[in-house]
Amino acid sequence: MMSAATADGDGPEQGARARELAQATEDALGRMSVDRALAVRAHLIGYSVDEVMAMYDWTYQKARNAIARGMIDLRAALAERGYP
Protein backbone atom coordinates (compact mmCIF):
# COMPACT_ATOMS: atom_id res chain seq x y z
CA MET A 1 0.00 0.00 0.00
CA MET A 2 1.26 3.49 -0.90
CA SER A 3 1.71 6.06 1.82
CA ALA A 4 -0.02 9.41 1.48
CA ALA A 5 3.35 11.12 1.07
CA THR A 6 4.29 8.87 -1.85
CA ALA A 7 0.87 9.21 -3.46
CA ASP A 8 1.13 13.01 -3.28
CA GLY A 9 4.68 13.05 -4.64
CA ASP A 10 6.11 14.40 -1.38
CA GLY A 11 8.44 11.55 -0.57
CA PRO A 12 11.93 11.79 0.90
CA GLU A 13 13.60 12.51 -2.44
CA GLN A 14 11.29 15.43 -3.19
CA GLY A 15 11.77 16.75 0.33
CA ALA A 16 15.54 16.55 0.00
CA ARG A 17 15.40 18.30 -3.37
CA ALA A 18 13.23 21.07 -1.89
CA ARG A 19 15.70 21.56 0.97
CA GLU A 20 18.60 21.70 -1.49
CA LEU A 21 16.78 24.30 -3.59
CA ALA A 22 15.98 26.34 -0.47
CA GLN A 23 19.66 26.25 0.54
CA ALA A 24 20.80 27.21 -2.97
CA THR A 25 18.31 30.11 -2.90
CA GLU A 26 19.60 31.26 0.50
CA ASP A 27 23.19 31.07 -0.77
CA ALA A 28 22.30 33.15 -3.82
CA LEU A 29 20.45 35.73 -1.73
CA GLY A 30 23.47 35.97 0.55
CA ARG A 31 25.68 36.97 -2.38
CA MET A 32 23.30 39.71 -3.62
CA SER A 33 23.30 43.32 -2.57
CA VAL A 34 21.17 43.90 0.50
CA ASP A 35 18.49 45.81 -1.42
CA ARG A 36 18.13 43.13 -4.09
CA ALA A 37 18.00 40.36 -1.50
CA LEU A 38 15.29 42.19 0.46
CA ALA A 39 13.29 42.82 -2.70
CA VAL A 40 13.59 39.22 -3.93
CA ARG A 41 12.63 37.75 -0.54
CA ALA A 42 9.53 39.96 -0.47
CA HIS A 43 8.69 39.07 -4.08
CA LEU A 44 9.06 35.34 -3.44
CA ILE A 45 6.73 35.62 -0.45
CA GLY A 46 4.17 37.27 -2.70
CA TYR A 47 4.45 41.00 -2.08
CA SER A 48 3.73 43.33 -4.99
CA VAL A 49 6.04 46.10 -6.18
CA ASP A 50 3.80 48.64 -4.43
CA GLU A 51 4.03 46.70 -1.18
CA VAL A 52 7.82 46.43 -1.44
CA MET A 53 7.91 50.17 -2.11
CA ALA A 54 5.95 50.89 1.04
CA MET A 55 7.85 48.36 3.21
CA TYR A 56 11.26 49.82 2.44
CA ASP A 57 10.27 53.42 1.64
CA TRP A 58 11.65 53.06 -1.88
CA THR A 59 10.52 54.70 -5.09
CA TYR A 60 8.51 52.57 -7.50
CA GLN A 61 11.47 52.43 -9.88
CA LYS A 62 13.89 51.27 -7.18
CA ALA A 63 11.51 48.55 -5.96
CA ARG A 64 10.74 47.33 -9.48
CA ASN A 65 14.39 47.30 -10.52
CA ALA A 66 15.57 45.60 -7.32
CA ILE A 67 13.01 42.82 -7.82
CA ALA A 68 13.74 42.42 -11.54
CA ARG A 69 17.52 42.48 -11.25
CA GLY A 70 17.50 40.37 -8.12
CA MET A 71 15.38 37.71 -9.82
CA ILE A 72 17.78 37.70 -12.77
CA ASP A 73 20.65 37.19 -10.31
CA LEU A 74 18.74 34.43 -8.51
CA ARG A 75 17.87 32.57 -11.72
CA ALA A 76 21.49 32.74 -12.88
CA ALA A 77 22.82 31.50 -9.54
CA LEU A 78 20.35 28.62 -9.47
CA ALA A 79 21.12 27.72 -13.10
CA GLU A 80 24.82 27.50 -12.19
CA ARG A 81 23.87 24.89 -9.61
CA GLY A 82 21.80 22.89 -12.07
CA TYR A 83 18.30 24.19 -11.35
CA PRO A 84 16.36 24.97 -14.52
PDB file of N, CA and C in Angstrom:
ATOM      1  N   MET A   1       0.832  -1.179   0.000  1.00  0.00           N
ATOM      2  CA  MET A   1       0.000   0.000   0.000  1.00  0.00           C
ATOM      3  C   MET A   1       0.880   1.247   0.000  1.00  0.00           C
ATOM      4  N   MET A   2       0.496   2.249  -0.808  1.00  0.00           N
ATOM      5  CA  MET A   2       1.256   3.490  -0.897  1.00  0.00           C
ATOM      6  C   MET A   2       0.940   4.396   0.272  1.00  0.00           C
ATOM      7  N   SER A   3       1.972   5.079   0.769  1.00  0.00           N
ATOM      8  CA  SER A   3       1.715   6.061   1.822  1.00  0.00           C
ATOM      9  C   SER A   3       1.154   7.327   1.188  1.00  0.00           C
ATOM     10  N   ALA A   4       0.541   8.158   1.987  1.00  0.00           N
ATOM     11  CA  ALA A   4      -0.021   9.415   1.483  1.00  0.00           C
ATOM     12  C   ALA A   4       1.079  10.303   0.919  1.00  0.00           C
ATOM     13  N   ALA A   5       2.243  10.291   1.554  1.00  0.00           N
ATOM     14  CA  ALA A   5       3.348  11.118   1.067  1.00  0.00           C
ATOM     15  C   ALA A   5       3.783  10.678  -0.321  1.00  0.00           C
ATOM     16  N   THR A   6       3.881   9.381  -0.545  1.00  0.00           N
ATOM     17  CA  THR A   6       4.288   8.873  -1.848  1.00  0.00           C
ATOM     18  C   THR A   6       3.217   9.158  -2.886  1.00  0.00           C
ATOM     19  N   ALA A   7       1.964   8.968  -2.525  1.00  0.00           N
ATOM     20  CA  ALA A   7       0.868   9.209  -3.461  1.00  0.00           C
ATOM     21  C   ALA A   7       0.825  10.672  -3.883  1.00  0.00           C
ATOM     22  N   ASP A   8       1.150  11.573  -2.987  1.00  0.00           N
ATOM     23  CA  ASP A   8       1.132  13.008  -3.285  1.00  0.00           C
ATOM     24  C   ASP A   8       2.410  13.485  -3.964  1.00  0.00           C
ATOM     25  N   GLY A   9       3.426  12.627  -4.033  1.00  0.00           N
ATOM     26  CA  GLY A   9       4.681  13.048  -4.640  1.00  0.00           C
ATOM     27  C   GLY A   9       5.577  13.797  -3.674  1.00  0.00           C
ATOM     28  N   ASP A  10       5.326  13.688  -2.376  1.00  0.00           N
ATOM     29  CA  ASP A  10       6.111  14.399  -1.376  1.00  0.00           C
ATOM     30  C   ASP A  10       6.980  13.443  -0.575  1.00  0.00           C
ATOM     31  N   GLY A  11       7.600  12.520  -1.252  1.00  0.00           N
ATOM     32  CA  GLY A  11       8.438  11.547  -0.573  1.00  0.00           C
ATOM     33  C   GLY A  11       9.764  12.141  -0.148  1.00  0.00           C
ATOM     34  N   PRO A  12      10.638  11.322   0.398  1.00  0.00           N
ATOM     35  CA  PRO A  12      11.926  11.785   0.903  1.00  0.00           C
ATOM     36  C   PRO A  12      12.800  12.445  -0.160  1.00  0.00           C
ATOM     37  N   GLU A  13      12.777  11.914  -1.375  1.00  0.00           N
ATOM     38  CA  GLU A  13      13.599  12.511  -2.438  1.00  0.00           C
ATOM     39  C   GLU A  13      13.133  13.918  -2.779  1.00  0.00           C
ATOM     40  N   GLN A  14      11.823  14.096  -2.876  1.00  0.00           N
ATOM     41  CA  GLN A  14      11.294  15.425  -3.187  1.00  0.00           C
ATOM     42  C   GLN A  14      11.580  16.399  -2.043  1.00  0.00           C
ATOM     43  N   GLY A  15      11.479  15.904  -0.826  1.00  0.00           N
ATOM     44  CA  GLY A  15      11.774  16.748   0.334  1.00  0.00           C
ATOM     45  C   GLY A  15      13.229  17.172   0.356  1.00  0.00           C
ATOM     46  N   ALA A  16      14.115  16.238   0.047  1.00  0.00           N
ATOM     47  CA  ALA A  16      15.544  16.553   0.001  1.00  0.00           C
ATOM     48  C   ALA A  16      15.831  17.566  -1.099  1.00  0.00           C
ATOM     49  N   ARG A  17      15.208  17.364  -2.252  1.00  0.00           N
ATOM     50  CA  ARG A  17      15.401  18.304  -3.374  1.00  0.00           C
ATOM     51  C   ARG A  17      14.890  19.702  -3.006  1.00  0.00           C
ATOM     52  N   ALA A  18      13.772  19.776  -2.320  1.00  0.00           N
ATOM     53  CA  ALA A  18      13.228  21.069  -1.893  1.00  0.00           C
ATOM     54  C   ALA A  18      14.176  21.750  -0.909  1.00  0.00           C
ATOM     55  N   ARG A  19      14.747  20.978   0.013  1.00  0.00           N
ATOM     56  CA  ARG A  19      15.702  21.557   0.971  1.00  0.00           C
ATOM     57  C   ARG A  19      16.961  22.048   0.261  1.00  0.00           C
ATOM     58  N   GLU A  20      17.433  21.285  -0.723  1.00  0.00           N
ATOM     59  CA  GLU A  20      18.604  21.699  -1.494  1.00  0.00           C
ATOM     60  C   GLU A  20      18.329  22.995  -2.260  1.00  0.00           C
ATOM     61  N   LEU A  21      17.154  23.089  -2.862  1.00  0.00           N
ATOM     62  CA  LEU A  21      16.777  24.297  -3.587  1.00  0.00           C
ATOM     63  C   LEU A  21      16.675  25.483  -2.633  1.00  0.00           C
ATOM     64  N   ALA A  22      16.090  25.269  -1.469  1.00  0.00           N
ATOM     65  CA  ALA A  22      15.984  26.342  -0.473  1.00  0.00           C
ATOM     66  C   ALA A  22      17.375  26.809  -0.052  1.00  0.00           C
ATOM     67  N   GLN A  23      18.304  25.880   0.144  1.00  0.00           N
ATOM     68  CA  GLN A  23      19.665  26.248   0.537  1.00  0.00           C
ATOM     69  C   GLN A  23      20.369  26.991  -0.592  1.00  0.00           C
ATOM     70  N   ALA A  24      20.195  26.535  -1.820  1.00  0.00           N
ATOM     71  CA  ALA A  24      20.798  27.210  -2.973  1.00  0.00           C
ATOM     72  C   ALA A  24      20.237  28.627  -3.108  1.00  0.00           C
ATOM     73  N   THR A  25      18.946  28.786  -2.851  1.00  0.00           N
ATOM     74  CA  THR A  25      18.314  30.109  -2.901  1.00  0.00           C
ATOM     75  C   THR A  25      18.887  31.002  -1.815  1.00  0.00           C
ATOM     76  N   GLU A  26      19.017  30.485  -0.597  1.00  0.00           N
ATOM     77  CA  GLU A  26      19.601  31.264   0.500  1.00  0.00           C
ATOM     78  C   GLU A  26      21.035  31.673   0.176  1.00  0.00           C
ATOM     79  N   ASP A  27      21.809  30.760  -0.386  1.00  0.00           N
ATOM     80  CA  ASP A  27      23.190  31.071  -0.766  1.00  0.00           C
ATOM     81  C   ASP A  27      23.228  32.204  -1.790  1.00  0.00           C
ATOM     82  N   ALA A  28      22.354  32.117  -2.784  1.00  0.00           N
ATOM     83  CA  ALA A  28      22.302  33.147  -3.824  1.00  0.00           C
ATOM     84  C   ALA A  28      21.882  34.492  -3.237  1.00  0.00           C
ATOM     85  N   LEU A  29      20.897  34.482  -2.364  1.00  0.00           N
ATOM     86  CA  LEU A  29      20.452  35.726  -1.727  1.00  0.00           C
ATOM     87  C   LEU A  29      21.572  36.337  -0.888  1.00  0.00           C
ATOM     88  N   GLY A  30      22.370  35.489  -0.269  1.00  0.00           N
ATOM     89  CA  GLY A  30      23.473  35.966   0.553  1.00  0.00           C
ATOM     90  C   GLY A  30      24.580  36.639  -0.243  1.00  0.00           C
ATOM     91  N   ARG A  31      24.657  36.360  -1.533  1.00  0.00           N
ATOM     92  CA  ARG A  31      25.675  36.972  -2.383  1.00  0.00           C
ATOM     93  C   ARG A  31      25.176  38.230  -3.090  1.00  0.00           C
ATOM     94  N   MET A  32      23.881  38.522  -2.976  1.00  0.00           N
ATOM     95  CA  MET A  32      23.302  39.711  -3.616  1.00  0.00           C
ATOM     96  C   MET A  32      23.513  40.945  -2.748  1.00  0.00           C
ATOM     97  N   SER A  33      23.323  42.099  -3.370  1.00  0.00           N
ATOM     98  CA  SER A  33      23.300  43.320  -2.573  1.00  0.00           C
ATOM     99  C   SER A  33      22.114  43.224  -1.609  1.00  0.00           C
ATOM    100  N   VAL A  34      22.212  43.952  -0.520  1.00  0.00           N
ATOM    101  CA  VAL A  34      21.165  43.899   0.504  1.00  0.00           C
ATOM    102  C   VAL A  34      19.814  44.286  -0.080  1.00  0.00           C
ATOM    103  N   ASP A  35      19.763  45.362  -0.857  1.00  0.00           N
ATOM    104  CA  ASP A  35      18.485  45.811  -1.424  1.00  0.00           C
ATOM    105  C   ASP A  35      17.864  44.766  -2.344  1.00  0.00           C
ATOM    106  N   ARG A  36      18.673  44.158  -3.194  1.00  0.00           N
ATOM    107  CA  ARG A  36      18.134  43.129  -4.095  1.00  0.00           C
ATOM    108  C   ARG A  36      17.643  41.925  -3.306  1.00  0.00           C
ATOM    109  N   ALA A  37      18.413  41.515  -2.308  1.00  0.00           N
ATOM    110  CA  ALA A  37      18.002  40.364  -1.504  1.00  0.00           C
ATOM    111  C   ALA A  37      16.688  40.649  -0.780  1.00  0.00           C
ATOM    112  N   LEU A  38      16.547  41.831  -0.214  1.00  0.00           N
ATOM    113  CA  LEU A  38      15.295  42.193   0.461  1.00  0.00           C
ATOM    114  C   LEU A  38      14.128  42.162  -0.521  1.00  0.00           C
ATOM    115  N   ALA A  39      14.350  42.745  -1.692  1.00  0.00           N
ATOM    116  CA  ALA A  39      13.291  42.817  -2.701  1.00  0.00           C
ATOM    117  C   ALA A  39      12.894  41.421  -3.186  1.00  0.00           C
ATOM    118  N   VAL A  40      13.876  40.571  -3.428  1.00  0.00           N
ATOM    119  CA  VAL A  40      13.586  39.223  -3.925  1.00  0.00           C
ATOM    120  C   VAL A  40      12.867  38.402  -2.857  1.00  0.00           C
ATOM    121  N   ARG A  41      13.323  38.483  -1.615  1.00  0.00           N
ATOM    122  CA  ARG A  41      12.631  37.754  -0.541  1.00  0.00           C
ATOM    123  C   ARG A  41      11.160  38.166  -0.484  1.00  0.00           C
ATOM    124  N   ALA A  42      10.913  39.468  -0.526  1.00  0.00           N
ATOM    125  CA  ALA A  42       9.534  39.964  -0.470  1.00  0.00           C
ATOM    126  C   ALA A  42       8.742  39.472  -1.674  1.00  0.00           C
ATOM    127  N   HIS A  43       9.349  39.517  -2.846  1.00  0.00           N
ATOM    128  CA  HIS A  43       8.688  39.070  -4.076  1.00  0.00           C
ATOM    129  C   HIS A  43       8.346  37.580  -4.002  1.00  0.00           C
ATOM    130  N   LEU A  44       9.291  36.780  -3.524  1.00  0.00           N
ATOM    131  CA  LEU A  44       9.058  35.341  -3.439  1.00  0.00           C
ATOM    132  C   LEU A  44       7.953  35.000  -2.437  1.00  0.00           C
ATOM    133  N   ILE A  45       7.803  35.822  -1.434  1.00  0.00           N
ATOM    134  CA  ILE A  45       6.728  35.616  -0.454  1.00  0.00           C
ATOM    135  C   ILE A  45       5.380  36.004  -1.054  1.00  0.00           C
ATOM    136  N   GLY A  46       5.410  36.900  -2.040  1.00  0.00           N
ATOM    137  CA  GLY A  46       4.167  37.275  -2.704  1.00  0.00           C
ATOM    138  C   GLY A  46       3.818  38.745  -2.644  1.00  0.00           C
ATOM    139  N   TYR A  47       4.731  39.567  -2.135  1.00  0.00           N
ATOM    140  CA  TYR A  47       4.451  41.003  -2.082  1.00  0.00           C
ATOM    141  C   TYR A  47       4.556  41.618  -3.470  1.00  0.00           C
ATOM    142  N   SER A  48       3.714  42.609  -3.722  1.00  0.00           N
ATOM    143  CA  SER A  48       3.733  43.326  -4.990  1.00  0.00           C
ATOM    144  C   SER A  48       4.807  44.417  -4.955  1.00  0.00           C
ATOM    145  N   VAL A  49       5.078  44.999  -6.108  1.00  0.00           N
ATOM    146  CA  VAL A  49       6.040  46.102  -6.183  1.00  0.00           C
ATOM    147  C   VAL A  49       5.593  47.234  -5.270  1.00  0.00           C
ATOM    148  N   ASP A  50       4.310  47.557  -5.287  1.00  0.00           N
ATOM    149  CA  ASP A  50       3.795  48.640  -4.431  1.00  0.00           C
ATOM    150  C   ASP A  50       4.003  48.336  -2.957  1.00  0.00           C
ATOM    151  N   GLU A  51       3.832  47.081  -2.576  1.00  0.00           N
ATOM    152  CA  GLU A  51       4.034  46.698  -1.181  1.00  0.00           C
ATOM    153  C   GLU A  51       5.512  46.761  -0.794  1.00  0.00           C
ATOM    154  N   VAL A  52       6.382  46.343  -1.699  1.00  0.00           N
ATOM    155  CA  VAL A  52       7.821  46.430  -1.444  1.00  0.00           C
ATOM    156  C   VAL A  52       8.223  47.900  -1.313  1.00  0.00           C
ATOM    157  N   MET A  53       7.683  48.722  -2.174  1.00  0.00           N
ATOM    158  CA  MET A  53       7.911  50.173  -2.111  1.00  0.00           C
ATOM    159  C   MET A  53       7.583  50.722  -0.724  1.00  0.00           C
ATOM    160  N   ALA A  54       6.411  50.388  -0.253  1.00  0.00           N
ATOM    161  CA  ALA A  54       5.949  50.886   1.037  1.00  0.00           C
ATOM    162  C   ALA A  54       6.772  50.305   2.193  1.00  0.00           C
ATOM    163  N   MET A  55       7.095  49.017   2.124  1.00  0.00           N
ATOM    164  CA  MET A  55       7.851  48.364   3.207  1.00  0.00           C
ATOM    165  C   MET A  55       9.200  49.011   3.428  1.00  0.00           C
ATOM    166  N   TYR A  56       9.885  49.341   2.337  1.00  0.00           N
ATOM    167  CA  TYR A  56      11.257  49.825   2.439  1.00  0.00           C
ATOM    168  C   TYR A  56      11.393  51.315   2.141  1.00  0.00           C
ATOM    169  N   ASP A  57      10.268  51.989   1.947  1.00  0.00           N
ATOM    170  CA  ASP A  57      10.265  53.418   1.640  1.00  0.00           C
ATOM    171  C   ASP A  57      11.126  53.723   0.410  1.00  0.00           C
ATOM    172  N   TRP A  58      10.934  52.896  -0.630  1.00  0.00           N
ATOM    173  CA  TRP A  58      11.651  53.059  -1.882  1.00  0.00           C
ATOM    174  C   TRP A  58      10.719  53.678  -2.912  1.00  0.00           C
ATOM    175  N   THR A  59      11.319  54.244  -3.960  1.00  0.00           N
ATOM    176  CA  THR A  59      10.521  54.696  -5.089  1.00  0.00           C
ATOM    177  C   THR A  59      10.028  53.466  -5.853  1.00  0.00           C
ATOM    178  N   TYR A  60       9.022  53.679  -6.677  1.00  0.00           N
ATOM    179  CA  TYR A  60       8.510  52.571  -7.498  1.00  0.00           C
ATOM    180  C   TYR A  60       9.630  51.995  -8.352  1.00  0.00           C
ATOM    181  N   GLN A  61      10.407  52.872  -8.986  1.00  0.00           N
ATOM    182  CA  GLN A  61      11.469  52.429  -9.883  1.00  0.00           C
ATOM    183  C   GLN A  61      12.509  51.591  -9.143  1.00  0.00           C
ATOM    184  N   LYS A  62      12.890  52.025  -7.945  1.00  0.00           N
ATOM    185  CA  LYS A  62      13.885  51.272  -7.183  1.00  0.00           C
ATOM    186  C   LYS A  62      13.344  49.890  -6.808  1.00  0.00           C
ATOM    187  N   ALA A  63      12.104  49.831  -6.348  1.00  0.00           N
ATOM    188  CA  ALA A  63      11.511  48.551  -5.963  1.00  0.00           C
ATOM    189  C   ALA A  63      11.404  47.621  -7.167  1.00  0.00           C
ATOM    190  N   ARG A  64      10.907  48.133  -8.268  1.00  0.00           N
ATOM    191  CA  ARG A  64      10.741  47.325  -9.479  1.00  0.00           C
ATOM    192  C   ARG A  64      12.080  46.817  -9.986  1.00  0.00           C
ATOM    193  N   ASN A  65      13.068  47.696 -10.033  1.00  0.00           N
ATOM    194  CA  ASN A  65      14.390  47.301 -10.524  1.00  0.00           C
ATOM    195  C   ASN A  65      15.077  46.310  -9.586  1.00  0.00           C
ATOM    196  N   ALA A  66      14.947  46.511  -8.276  1.00  0.00           N
ATOM    197  CA  ALA A  66      15.572  45.599  -7.317  1.00  0.00           C
ATOM    198  C   ALA A  66      14.973  44.202  -7.455  1.00  0.00           C
ATOM    199  N   ILE A  67      13.662  44.133  -7.624  1.00  0.00           N
ATOM    200  CA  ILE A  67      13.013  42.821  -7.822  1.00  0.00           C
ATOM    201  C   ILE A  67      13.470  42.203  -9.139  1.00  0.00           C
ATOM    202  N   ALA A  68      13.399  42.958 -10.214  1.00  0.00           N
ATOM    203  CA  ALA A  68      13.736  42.419 -11.541  1.00  0.00           C
ATOM    204  C   ALA A  68      15.190  41.971 -11.614  1.00  0.00           C
ATOM    205  N   ARG A  69      16.093  42.821 -11.176  1.00  0.00           N
ATOM    206  CA  ARG A  69      17.515  42.480 -11.254  1.00  0.00           C
ATOM    207  C   ARG A  69      17.879  41.385 -10.266  1.00  0.00           C
ATOM    208  N   GLY A  70      17.250  41.421  -9.103  1.00  0.00           N
ATOM    209  CA  GLY A  70      17.498  40.371  -8.116  1.00  0.00           C
ATOM    210  C   GLY A  70      17.024  39.017  -8.610  1.00  0.00           C
ATOM    211  N   MET A  71      15.885  38.976  -9.276  1.00  0.00           N
ATOM    212  CA  MET A  71      15.383  37.709  -9.817  1.00  0.00           C
ATOM    213  C   MET A  71      16.281  37.201 -10.942  1.00  0.00           C
ATOM    214  N   ILE A  72      16.822  38.105 -11.738  1.00  0.00           N
ATOM    215  CA  ILE A  72      17.784  37.699 -12.774  1.00  0.00           C
ATOM    216  C   ILE A  72      19.004  37.073 -12.103  1.00  0.00           C
ATOM    217  N   ASP A  73      19.506  37.720 -11.052  1.00  0.00           N
ATOM    218  CA  ASP A  73      20.654  37.185 -10.312  1.00  0.00           C
ATOM    219  C   ASP A  73      20.322  35.813  -9.717  1.00  0.00           C
ATOM    220  N   LEU A  74      19.139  35.687  -9.137  1.00  0.00           N
ATOM    221  CA  LEU A  74      18.737  34.429  -8.510  1.00  0.00           C
ATOM    222  C   LEU A  74      18.640  33.314  -9.545  1.00  0.00           C
ATOM    223  N   ARG A  75      17.988  33.586 -10.664  1.00  0.00           N
ATOM    224  CA  ARG A  75      17.869  32.574 -11.719  1.00  0.00           C
ATOM    225  C   ARG A  75      19.243  32.122 -12.217  1.00  0.00           C
ATOM    226  N   ALA A  76      20.149  33.081 -12.399  1.00  0.00           N
ATOM    227  CA  ALA A  76      21.494  32.744 -12.884  1.00  0.00           C
ATOM    228  C   ALA A  76      22.237  31.894 -11.856  1.00  0.00           C
ATOM    229  N   ALA A  77      22.144  32.259 -10.593  1.00  0.00           N
ATOM    230  CA  ALA A  77      22.825  31.503  -9.540  1.00  0.00           C
ATOM    231  C   ALA A  77      22.268  30.086  -9.435  1.00  0.00           C
ATOM    232  N   LEU A  78      20.954  29.952  -9.545  1.00  0.00           N
ATOM    233  CA  LEU A  78      20.349  28.618  -9.471  1.00  0.00           C
ATOM    234  C   LEU A  78      20.688  27.794 -10.705  1.00  0.00           C
ATOM    235  N   ALA A  79      20.745  28.432 -11.863  1.00  0.00           N
ATOM    236  CA  ALA A  79      21.116  27.721 -13.100  1.00  0.00           C
ATOM    237  C   ALA A  79      22.548  27.183 -12.991  1.00  0.00           C
ATOM    238  N   GLU A  80      23.443  27.950 -12.386  1.00  0.00           N
ATOM    239  CA  GLU A  80      24.824  27.498 -12.193  1.00  0.00           C
ATOM    240  C   GLU A  80      24.872  26.214 -11.357  1.00  0.00           C
ATOM    241  N   ARG A  81      23.909  26.061 -10.475  1.00  0.00           N
ATOM    242  CA  ARG A  81      23.865  24.887  -9.611  1.00  0.00           C
ATOM    243  C   ARG A  81      22.983  23.774 -10.165  1.00  0.00           C
ATOM    244  N   GLY A  82      22.528  23.953 -11.395  1.00  0.00           N
ATOM    245  CA  GLY A  82      21.797  22.893 -12.073  1.00  0.00           C
ATOM    246  C   GLY A  82      20.287  22.936 -11.924  1.00  0.00           C
ATOM    247  N   TYR A  83      19.758  24.053 -11.445  1.00  0.00           N
ATOM    248  CA  TYR A  83      18.301  24.189 -11.353  1.00  0.00           C
ATOM    249  C   TYR A  83      17.808  24.918 -12.582  1.00  0.00           C
ATOM    250  N   PRO A  84      16.838  24.342 -13.278  1.00  0.00           N
ATOM    251  CA  PRO A  84      16.361  24.965 -14.523  1.00  0.00           C
ATOM    252  C   PRO A  84      15.585  26.249 -14.290  1.00  0.00           C
TER     253      PRO A  84
END
